């Protein structure tokens, strides 16, 4: 038991050191960005990310540095990674839109149906863990009122508890659905095209061309066969691309 505590304390100590070093590196990167040393800033931001340390602020600043160097695909990749952590971050959303406007792309986005977009925006209000906590609280509250309904003998109190249970029930169903939607959105794997390539109708070199893809285009990953990925584009076209032409968000 003593060895376990020692290992735990050592782990906490090195975690604190890593976080402190990363914070100092982040400050240095920001100073480099302010002085327009964008290559240095990118190198420092990327070194933090290489330690598996992530934050919306890190990806926002990294994306901005890439944008200043007109490396729009890398900027979009950084902004998208930031939005995975904070889907409603206004700065990330705005800068992603600005960077996307710089792309030379033939793909016209077909947005989801308005009700689908509305539902997804609701599910993005909280993380899956927060939705789970809300569900647990609502289940406990529902169980409380249902229990009081069966335990109390007074008809007025029983009727009141039953009404309260029926009020909670639709909210409970709503949180289950939104939580499930959020979980599915987090499971979706997406990628950014990093070099010119083509979307083909099959997972081999001899397949026919469907679309030309350019750096900065985003795709949803659907399946994989060897080094080929089946993807869906923003215009809802589905096809295959080679693994080396993209980087996962």
C-alpha atoms as a PDB file:
ATOM      1  CA  UNK A   1       0.000   0.000   0.000  1.00  0.00           C
ATOM      2  CA  UNK A   2       2.880   2.336   0.839  1.00  0.00           C
ATOM      3  CA  UNK A   3       4.415   1.771  -2.616  1.00  0.00           C
ATOM      4  CA  UNK A   4       1.115   2.653  -4.264  1.00  0.00           C
ATOM      5  CA  UNK A   5       0.948   5.951  -2.354  1.00  0.00           C
ATOM      6  CA  UNK A   6       4.561   6.748  -3.284  1.00  0.00           C
ATOM      7  CA  UNK A   7       3.853   6.058  -6.965  1.00  0.00           C
ATOM      8  CA  UNK A   8       0.716   8.200  -6.787  1.00  0.00           C
ATOM      9  CA  UNK A   9       2.578  11.120  -5.207  1.00  0.00           C
ATOM     10  CA  UNK A  10       5.409  10.837  -7.752  1.00  0.00           C
ATOM     11  CA  UNK A  11       2.840  10.798 -10.582  1.00  0.00           C
ATOM     12  CA  UNK A  12       1.109  13.901  -9.214  1.00  0.00           C
ATOM     13  CA  UNK A  13       4.465  15.658  -8.821  1.00  0.00           C
ATOM     14  CA  UNK A  14       5.526  15.017 -12.427  1.00  0.00           C
ATOM     15  CA  UNK A  15       2.061  15.970 -13.691  1.00  0.00           C
ATOM     16  CA  UNK A  16       2.366  19.322 -11.908  1.00  0.00           C
ATOM     17  CA  UNK A  17       5.842  19.829 -13.362  1.00  0.00           C
ATOM     18  CA  UNK A  18       4.596  19.056 -16.864  1.00  0.00           C
ATOM     19  CA  UNK A  19       1.683  21.476 -16.502  1.00  0.00           C
ATOM     20  CA  UNK A  20       4.014  24.203 -15.220  1.00  0.00           C
ATOM     21  CA  UNK A  21       6.465  23.661 -18.090  1.00  0.00           C
ATOM     22  CA  UNK A  22       3.609  23.701 -20.597  1.00  0.00           C
ATOM     23  CA  UNK A  23       2.315  26.979 -19.153  1.00  0.00           C
ATOM     24  CA  UNK A  24       5.757  28.569 -19.496  1.00  0.00           C
ATOM     25  CA  UNK A  25       6.023  27.258 -23.069  1.00  0.00           C
ATOM     26  CA  UNK A  26       2.566  28.652 -23.831  1.00  0.00           C
ATOM     27  CA  UNK A  27       3.629  32.105 -22.609  1.00  0.00           C
ATOM     28  CA  UNK A  28       6.807  31.924 -24.734  1.00  0.00           C
ATOM     29  CA  UNK A  29       4.726  30.921 -27.758  1.00  0.00           C
ATOM     30  CA  UNK A  30       2.362  33.842 -27.210  1.00  0.00           C
ATOM     31  CA  UNK A  31       5.333  36.224 -26.993  1.00  0.00           C
ATOM     32  CA  UNK A  32       6.709  34.781 -30.240  1.00  0.00           C
ATOM     33  CA  UNK A  33       3.318  35.268 -31.906  1.00  0.00           C
ATOM     34  CA  UNK A  34       3.097  38.886 -30.739  1.00  0.00           C
ATOM     35  CA  UNK A  35       6.572  39.545 -32.166  1.00  0.00           C
ATOM     36  CA  UNK A  36       5.405  37.927 -35.458  1.00  0.00           C
ATOM     37  CA  UNK A  37       7.824  35.003 -35.114  1.00  0.00           C
ATOM     38  CA  UNK A  38       5.110  32.656 -36.313  1.00  0.00           C
ATOM     39  CA  UNK A  39       7.362  29.666 -37.035  1.00  0.00           C
ATOM     40  CA  UNK A  40       8.706  29.757 -33.500  1.00  0.00           C
ATOM     41  CA  UNK A  41       5.213  30.187 -32.070  1.00  0.00           C
ATOM     42  CA  UNK A  42       3.940  27.184 -34.054  1.00  0.00           C
ATOM     43  CA  UNK A  43       6.868  25.058 -32.914  1.00  0.00           C
ATOM     44  CA  UNK A  44       6.188  25.920 -29.265  1.00  0.00           C
ATOM     45  CA  UNK A  45       2.423  25.398 -29.513  1.00  0.00           C
ATOM     46  CA  UNK A  46       2.944  22.067 -31.280  1.00  0.00           C
ATOM     47  CA  UNK A  47       5.402  20.969 -28.569  1.00  0.00           C
ATOM     48  CA  UNK A  48       2.638  21.430 -25.995  1.00  0.00           C
ATOM     49  CA  UNK A  49       0.193  19.436 -28.104  1.00  0.00           C
ATOM     50  CA  UNK A  50       2.836  16.700 -28.512  1.00  0.00           C
ATOM     51  CA  UNK A  51       2.658  16.210 -24.730  1.00  0.00           C
ATOM     52  CA  UNK A  52      -1.068  15.427 -25.148  1.00  0.00           C
ATOM     53  CA  UNK A  53      -1.960  18.689 -23.400  1.00  0.00           C
ATOM     54  CA  UNK A  54      -4.993  20.275 -25.028  1.00  0.00           C
ATOM     55  CA  UNK A  55      -7.145  23.344 -24.531  1.00  0.00           C
ATOM     56  CA  UNK A  56      -9.344  25.567 -26.734  1.00  0.00           C
ATOM     57  CA  UNK A  57      -6.912  28.446 -26.145  1.00  0.00           C
ATOM     58  CA  UNK A  58      -3.956  26.380 -27.351  1.00  0.00           C
ATOM     59  CA  UNK A  59      -5.692  25.401 -30.591  1.00  0.00           C
ATOM     60  CA  UNK A  60      -7.025  28.924 -31.152  1.00  0.00           C
ATOM     61  CA  UNK A  61      -3.547  30.430 -30.912  1.00  0.00           C
ATOM     62  CA  UNK A  62      -1.988  27.629 -32.953  1.00  0.00           C
ATOM     63  CA  UNK A  63      -4.608  28.115 -35.667  1.00  0.00           C
ATOM     64  CA  UNK A  64      -4.018  31.857 -35.663  1.00  0.00           C
ATOM     65  CA  UNK A  65      -0.274  31.333 -36.122  1.00  0.00           C
ATOM     66  CA  UNK A  66      -0.858  29.008 -39.076  1.00  0.00           C
ATOM     67  CA  UNK A  67      -3.373  31.483 -40.522  1.00  0.00           C
ATOM     68  CA  UNK A  68      -0.775  34.272 -40.424  1.00  0.00           C
ATOM     69  CA  UNK A  69       1.488  32.033 -42.537  1.00  0.00           C
ATOM     70  CA  UNK A  70      -1.451  31.416 -44.945  1.00  0.00           C
ATOM     71  CA  UNK A  71      -1.320  27.694 -44.098  1.00  0.00           C
ATOM     72  CA  UNK A  72      -5.091  27.512 -44.036  1.00  0.00           C
ATOM     73  CA  UNK A  73      -5.450  23.721 -43.883  1.00  0.00           C
ATOM     74  CA  UNK A  74      -3.315  23.560 -40.743  1.00  0.00           C
ATOM     75  CA  UNK A  75      -5.230  26.507 -39.270  1.00  0.00           C
ATOM     76  CA  UNK A  76      -8.549  24.767 -39.925  1.00  0.00           C
ATOM     77  CA  UNK A  77      -7.220  21.563 -38.370  1.00  0.00           C
ATOM     78  CA  UNK A  78      -6.241  23.466 -35.215  1.00  0.00           C
ATOM     79  CA  UNK A  79      -9.577  25.294 -34.977  1.00  0.00           C
ATOM     80  CA  UNK A  80     -11.496  22.036 -35.488  1.00  0.00           C
ATOM     81  CA  UNK A  81      -9.488  20.338 -32.737  1.00  0.00           C
ATOM     82  CA  UNK A  82     -10.322  23.231 -30.436  1.00  0.00           C
ATOM     83  CA  UNK A  83     -14.021  22.918 -31.266  1.00  0.00           C
ATOM     84  CA  UNK A  84     -13.906  19.241 -30.313  1.00  0.00           C
ATOM     85  CA  UNK A  85     -13.122  20.446 -26.790  1.00  0.00           C
ATOM     86  CA  UNK A  86     -15.439  23.464 -26.830  1.00  0.00           C
ATOM     87  CA  UNK A  87     -18.078  23.223 -29.626  1.00  0.00           C
ATOM     88  CA  UNK A  88     -19.646  26.613 -28.885  1.00  0.00           C
ATOM     89  CA  UNK A  89     -16.428  28.653 -28.582  1.00  0.00           C
ATOM     90  CA  UNK A  90     -17.204  31.870 -30.484  1.00  0.00           C
ATOM     91  CA  UNK A  91     -13.586  32.754 -31.275  1.00  0.00           C
ATOM     92  CA  UNK A  92     -12.874  29.303 -32.713  1.00  0.00           C
ATOM     93  CA  UNK A  93     -16.091  29.300 -34.738  1.00  0.00           C
ATOM     94  CA  UNK A  94     -15.446  32.781 -36.138  1.00  0.00           C
ATOM     95  CA  UNK A  95     -11.812  32.087 -37.032  1.00  0.00           C
ATOM     96  CA  UNK A  96     -12.730  28.727 -38.590  1.00  0.00           C
ATOM     97  CA  UNK A  97     -15.239  30.516 -40.817  1.00  0.00           C
ATOM     98  CA  UNK A  98     -12.631  33.124 -41.824  1.00  0.00           C
ATOM     99  CA  UNK A  99     -10.030  30.455 -42.617  1.00  0.00           C
ATOM    100  CA  UNK A 100     -12.557  28.361 -44.558  1.00  0.00           C
ATOM    101  CA  UNK A 101     -13.415  31.388 -46.698  1.00  0.00           C
ATOM    102  CA  UNK A 102      -9.808  31.404 -47.955  1.00  0.00           C
ATOM    103  CA  UNK A 103     -10.083  27.925 -49.478  1.00  0.00           C
ATOM    104  CA  UNK A 104     -10.210  27.299 -53.183  1.00  0.00           C
ATOM    105  CA  UNK A 105     -12.821  24.555 -53.089  1.00  0.00           C
ATOM    106  CA  UNK A 106     -15.406  23.198 -55.520  1.00  0.00           C
ATOM    107  CA  UNK A 107     -17.390  21.575 -52.715  1.00  0.00           C
ATOM    108  CA  UNK A 108     -20.616  23.348 -51.815  1.00  0.00           C
ATOM    109  CA  UNK A 109     -21.729  22.459 -48.313  1.00  0.00           C
ATOM    110  CA  UNK A 110     -25.197  20.966 -47.950  1.00  0.00           C
ATOM    111  CA  UNK A 111     -26.151  21.770 -44.339  1.00  0.00           C
ATOM    112  CA  UNK A 112     -28.280  19.312 -42.348  1.00  0.00           C
ATOM    113  CA  UNK A 113     -32.002  19.911 -42.041  1.00  0.00           C
ATOM    114  CA  UNK A 114     -32.726  22.870 -39.744  1.00  0.00           C
ATOM    115  CA  UNK A 115     -34.295  20.679 -37.038  1.00  0.00           C
ATOM    116  CA  UNK A 116     -31.211  18.446 -37.060  1.00  0.00           C
ATOM    117  CA  UNK A 117     -28.936  21.494 -36.647  1.00  0.00           C
ATOM    118  CA  UNK A 118     -31.169  22.780 -33.847  1.00  0.00           C
ATOM    119  CA  UNK A 119     -31.103  19.430 -32.049  1.00  0.00           C
ATOM    120  CA  UNK A 120     -27.326  19.144 -32.360  1.00  0.00           C
ATOM    121  CA  UNK A 121     -26.865  22.660 -30.997  1.00  0.00           C
ATOM    122  CA  UNK A 122     -28.936  21.720 -27.941  1.00  0.00           C
ATOM    123  CA  UNK A 123     -26.908  18.538 -27.370  1.00  0.00           C
ATOM    124  CA  UNK A 124     -23.681  20.590 -27.575  1.00  0.00           C
ATOM    125  CA  UNK A 125     -24.700  22.798 -24.647  1.00  0.00           C
ATOM    126  CA  UNK A 126     -23.167  20.261 -22.228  1.00  0.00           C
ATOM    127  CA  UNK A 127     -20.634  17.451 -22.421  1.00  0.00           C
ATOM    128  CA  UNK A 128     -21.742  13.807 -22.184  1.00  0.00           C
ATOM    129  CA  UNK A 129     -20.617  13.662 -18.551  1.00  0.00           C
ATOM    130  CA  UNK A 130     -22.758  16.686 -17.634  1.00  0.00           C
ATOM    131  CA  UNK A 131     -25.767  15.211 -19.442  1.00  0.00           C
ATOM    132  CA  UNK A 132     -25.196  11.978 -17.490  1.00  0.00           C
ATOM    133  CA  UNK A 133     -25.177  13.861 -14.163  1.00  0.00           C
ATOM    134  CA  UNK A 134     -28.428  15.642 -15.088  1.00  0.00           C
ATOM    135  CA  UNK A 135     -29.987  12.288 -15.998  1.00  0.00           C
ATOM    136  CA  UNK A 136     -28.980  10.769 -12.650  1.00  0.00           C
ATOM    137  CA  UNK A 137     -30.454  13.723 -10.761  1.00  0.00           C
ATOM    138  CA  UNK A 138     -33.721  13.531 -12.698  1.00  0.00           C
ATOM    139  CA  UNK A 139     -33.962   9.743 -12.192  1.00  0.00           C
ATOM    140  CA  UNK A 140     -33.420  10.223  -8.450  1.00  0.00           C
ATOM    141  CA  UNK A 141     -36.082  12.959  -8.359  1.00  0.00           C
ATOM    142  CA  UNK A 142     -38.520  10.809 -10.320  1.00  0.00           C
ATOM    143  CA  UNK A 143     -37.896   7.855  -7.997  1.00  0.00           C
ATOM    144  CA  UNK A 144     -38.505  10.127  -5.007  1.00  0.00           C
ATOM    145  CA  UNK A 145     -41.935  11.267  -6.195  1.00  0.00           C
ATOM    146  CA  UNK A 146     -42.972   7.784  -7.377  1.00  0.00           C
ATOM    147  CA  UNK A 147     -41.911   6.380  -3.998  1.00  0.00           C
ATOM    148  CA  UNK A 148     -43.936   9.011  -2.158  1.00  0.00           C
ATOM    149  CA  UNK A 149     -46.922   8.170  -4.354  1.00  0.00           C
ATOM    150  CA  UNK A 150     -46.886   4.531  -3.235  1.00  0.00           C
ATOM    151  CA  UNK A 151     -45.962   5.215   0.404  1.00  0.00           C
ATOM    152  CA  UNK A 152     -48.449   7.985   1.194  1.00  0.00           C
ATOM    153  CA  UNK A 153     -52.083   7.220   2.019  1.00  0.00           C
ATOM    154  CA  UNK A 154     -53.433  10.730   1.537  1.00  0.00           C
ATOM    155  CA  UNK A 155     -55.090  10.964  -1.915  1.00  0.00           C
ATOM    156  CA  UNK A 156     -54.278  14.662  -2.294  1.00  0.00           C
ATOM    157  CA  UNK A 157     -50.572  14.080  -1.594  1.00  0.00           C
ATOM    158  CA  UNK A 158     -50.551  11.016  -3.881  1.00  0.00           C
ATOM    159  CA  UNK A 159     -52.114  13.051  -6.702  1.00  0.00           C
ATOM    160  CA  UNK A 160     -49.604  15.869  -6.216  1.00  0.00           C
ATOM    161  CA  UNK A 161     -46.624  13.487  -6.306  1.00  0.00           C
ATOM    162  CA  UNK A 162     -47.976  11.779  -9.424  1.00  0.00           C
ATOM    163  CA  UNK A 163     -48.303  15.117 -11.215  1.00  0.00           C
ATOM    164  CA  UNK A 164     -44.746  16.052 -10.251  1.00  0.00           C
ATOM    165  CA  UNK A 165     -43.486  12.696 -11.540  1.00  0.00           C
ATOM    166  CA  UNK A 166     -45.254  13.259 -14.869  1.00  0.00           C
ATOM    167  CA  UNK A 167     -43.683  16.725 -15.117  1.00  0.00           C
ATOM    168  CA  UNK A 168     -40.177  15.281 -14.618  1.00  0.00           C
ATOM    169  CA  UNK A 169     -40.636  12.354 -17.038  1.00  0.00           C
ATOM    170  CA  UNK A 170     -40.485  14.312 -20.341  1.00  0.00           C
ATOM    171  CA  UNK A 171     -37.398  16.213 -19.153  1.00  0.00           C
ATOM    172  CA  UNK A 172     -35.776  12.886 -18.298  1.00  0.00           C
ATOM    173  CA  UNK A 173     -36.529  11.515 -21.771  1.00  0.00           C
ATOM    174  CA  UNK A 174     -35.211  14.735 -23.332  1.00  0.00           C
ATOM    175  CA  UNK A 175     -31.910  14.516 -21.453  1.00  0.00           C
ATOM    176  CA  UNK A 176     -31.480  10.860 -22.427  1.00  0.00           C
ATOM    177  CA  UNK A 177     -31.977  11.747 -26.100  1.00  0.00           C
ATOM    178  CA  UNK A 178     -29.701  14.800 -26.022  1.00  0.00           C
ATOM    179  CA  UNK A 179     -27.049  12.864 -24.117  1.00  0.00           C
ATOM    180  CA  UNK A 180     -27.185  10.057 -26.677  1.00  0.00           C
ATOM    181  CA  UNK A 181     -26.917  12.578 -29.529  1.00  0.00           C
ATOM    182  CA  UNK A 182     -23.909  14.239 -27.883  1.00  0.00           C
ATOM    183  CA  UNK A 183     -22.230  10.850 -27.385  1.00  0.00           C
ATOM    184  CA  UNK A 184     -22.758   9.976 -31.065  1.00  0.00           C
ATOM    185  CA  UNK A 185     -21.350  13.338 -32.177  1.00  0.00           C
ATOM    186  CA  UNK A 186     -18.248  12.785 -30.042  1.00  0.00           C
ATOM    187  CA  UNK A 187     -17.783   9.339 -31.581  1.00  0.00           C
ATOM    188  CA  UNK A 188     -17.797  10.739 -35.119  1.00  0.00           C
ATOM    189  CA  UNK A 189     -14.278  10.766 -36.552  1.00  0.00           C
ATOM    190  CA  UNK A 190     -13.470  13.647 -38.849  1.00  0.00           C
ATOM    191  CA  UNK A 191     -10.354  14.683 -40.737  1.00  0.00           C
ATOM    192  CA  UNK A 192      -8.939  17.623 -42.660  1.00  0.00           C
ATOM    193  CA  UNK A 193      -7.474  17.173 -46.145  1.00  0.00           C
ATOM    194  CA  UNK A 194      -3.841  18.314 -46.023  1.00  0.00           C
ATOM    195  CA  UNK A 195      -2.844  17.959 -49.693  1.00  0.00           C
ATOM    196  CA  UNK A 196      -4.535  17.789 -53.097  1.00  0.00           C
ATOM    197  CA  UNK A 197      -6.262  14.451 -53.638  1.00  0.00           C
ATOM    198  CA  UNK A 198      -9.388  12.962 -55.196  1.00  0.00           C
ATOM    199  CA  UNK A 199     -12.480  11.247 -53.871  1.00  0.00           C
ATOM    200  CA  UNK A 200     -12.884   7.947 -55.730  1.00  0.00           C
ATOM    201  CA  UNK A 201     -15.773   5.508 -56.018  1.00  0.00           C
ATOM    202  CA  UNK A 202     -13.689   2.603 -54.712  1.00  0.00           C
ATOM    203  CA  UNK A 203     -10.725   1.801 -52.424  1.00  0.00           C
ATOM    204  CA  UNK A 204      -8.068   1.412 -55.118  1.00  0.00           C
ATOM    205  CA  UNK A 205      -6.055   3.457 -57.599  1.00  0.00           C
ATOM    206  CA  UNK A 206      -8.114   2.350 -60.607  1.00  0.00           C
ATOM    207  CA  UNK A 207     -11.417   3.658 -59.221  1.00  0.00           C
ATOM    208  CA  UNK A 208     -13.273   6.503 -60.878  1.00  0.00           C
ATOM    209  CA  UNK A 209     -13.029  10.102 -59.662  1.00  0.00           C
ATOM    210  CA  UNK A 210     -16.013  11.661 -57.863  1.00  0.00           C
ATOM    211  CA  UNK A 211     -14.583  14.933 -56.535  1.00  0.00           C
ATOM    212  CA  UNK A 212     -11.318  16.810 -56.331  1.00  0.00           C
ATOM    213  CA  UNK A 213     -10.327  17.603 -52.756  1.00  0.00           C
ATOM    214  CA  UNK A 214      -8.085  20.461 -51.660  1.00  0.00           C
ATOM    215  CA  UNK A 215      -6.193  21.267 -48.440  1.00  0.00           C
ATOM    216  CA  UNK A 216      -8.635  22.449 -45.802  1.00  0.00           C
ATOM    217  CA  UNK A 217     -11.629  20.384 -46.897  1.00  0.00           C
ATOM    218  CA  UNK A 218     -13.110  18.455 -43.974  1.00  0.00           C
ATOM    219  CA  UNK A 219     -14.465  14.920 -44.252  1.00  0.00           C
ATOM    220  CA  UNK A 220     -16.365  12.520 -42.003  1.00  0.00           C
ATOM    221  CA  UNK A 221     -14.708   9.104 -41.697  1.00  0.00           C
ATOM    222  CA  UNK A 222     -17.128   6.225 -42.245  1.00  0.00           C
ATOM    223  CA  UNK A 223     -15.025   3.102 -42.793  1.00  0.00           C
ATOM    224  CA  UNK A 224     -11.508   1.874 -43.541  1.00  0.00           C
ATOM    225  CA  UNK A 225     -10.063  -0.801 -45.819  1.00  0.00           C
ATOM    226  CA  UNK A 226      -6.288  -1.007 -45.602  1.00  0.00           C
ATOM    227  CA  UNK A 227      -4.849   2.445 -46.342  1.00  0.00           C
ATOM    228  CA  UNK A 228      -8.141   3.695 -47.814  1.00  0.00           C
ATOM    229  CA  UNK A 229     -10.855   5.549 -45.913  1.00  0.00           C
ATOM    230  CA  UNK A 230     -14.510   5.774 -46.850  1.00  0.00           C
ATOM    231  CA  UNK A 231     -15.587   9.370 -46.198  1.00  0.00           C
ATOM    232  CA  UNK A 232     -18.516  11.760 -46.557  1.00  0.00           C
ATOM    233  CA  UNK A 233     -17.961  15.310 -47.808  1.00  0.00           C
ATOM    234  CA  UNK A 234     -19.773  18.482 -46.796  1.00  0.00           C
ATOM    235  CA  UNK A 235     -21.868  18.177 -49.985  1.00  0.00           C
ATOM    236  CA  UNK A 236     -22.915  14.674 -48.811  1.00  0.00           C
ATOM    237  CA  UNK A 237     -20.880  12.879 -51.509  1.00  0.00           C
ATOM    238  CA  UNK A 238     -19.485   9.543 -50.298  1.00  0.00           C
ATOM    239  CA  UNK A 239     -16.317   7.922 -51.599  1.00  0.00           C
ATOM    240  CA  UNK A 240     -12.774   6.816 -50.787  1.00  0.00           C
ATOM    241  CA  UNK A 241      -9.481   8.633 -50.191  1.00  0.00           C
ATOM    242  CA  UNK A 242      -5.926   7.531 -49.380  1.00  0.00           C
ATOM    243  CA  UNK A 243      -4.788   7.683 -45.763  1.00  0.00           C
ATOM    244  CA  UNK A 244      -1.766   9.947 -46.311  1.00  0.00           C
ATOM    245  CA  UNK A 245      -3.790  12.809 -47.760  1.00  0.00           C
ATOM    246  CA  UNK A 246      -5.517  13.789 -44.510  1.00  0.00           C
ATOM    247  CA  UNK A 247      -5.003  14.290 -40.805  1.00  0.00           C
ATOM    248  CA  UNK A 248      -7.570  13.264 -38.220  1.00  0.00           C
ATOM    249  CA  UNK A 249      -9.099  15.973 -36.074  1.00  0.00           C
END
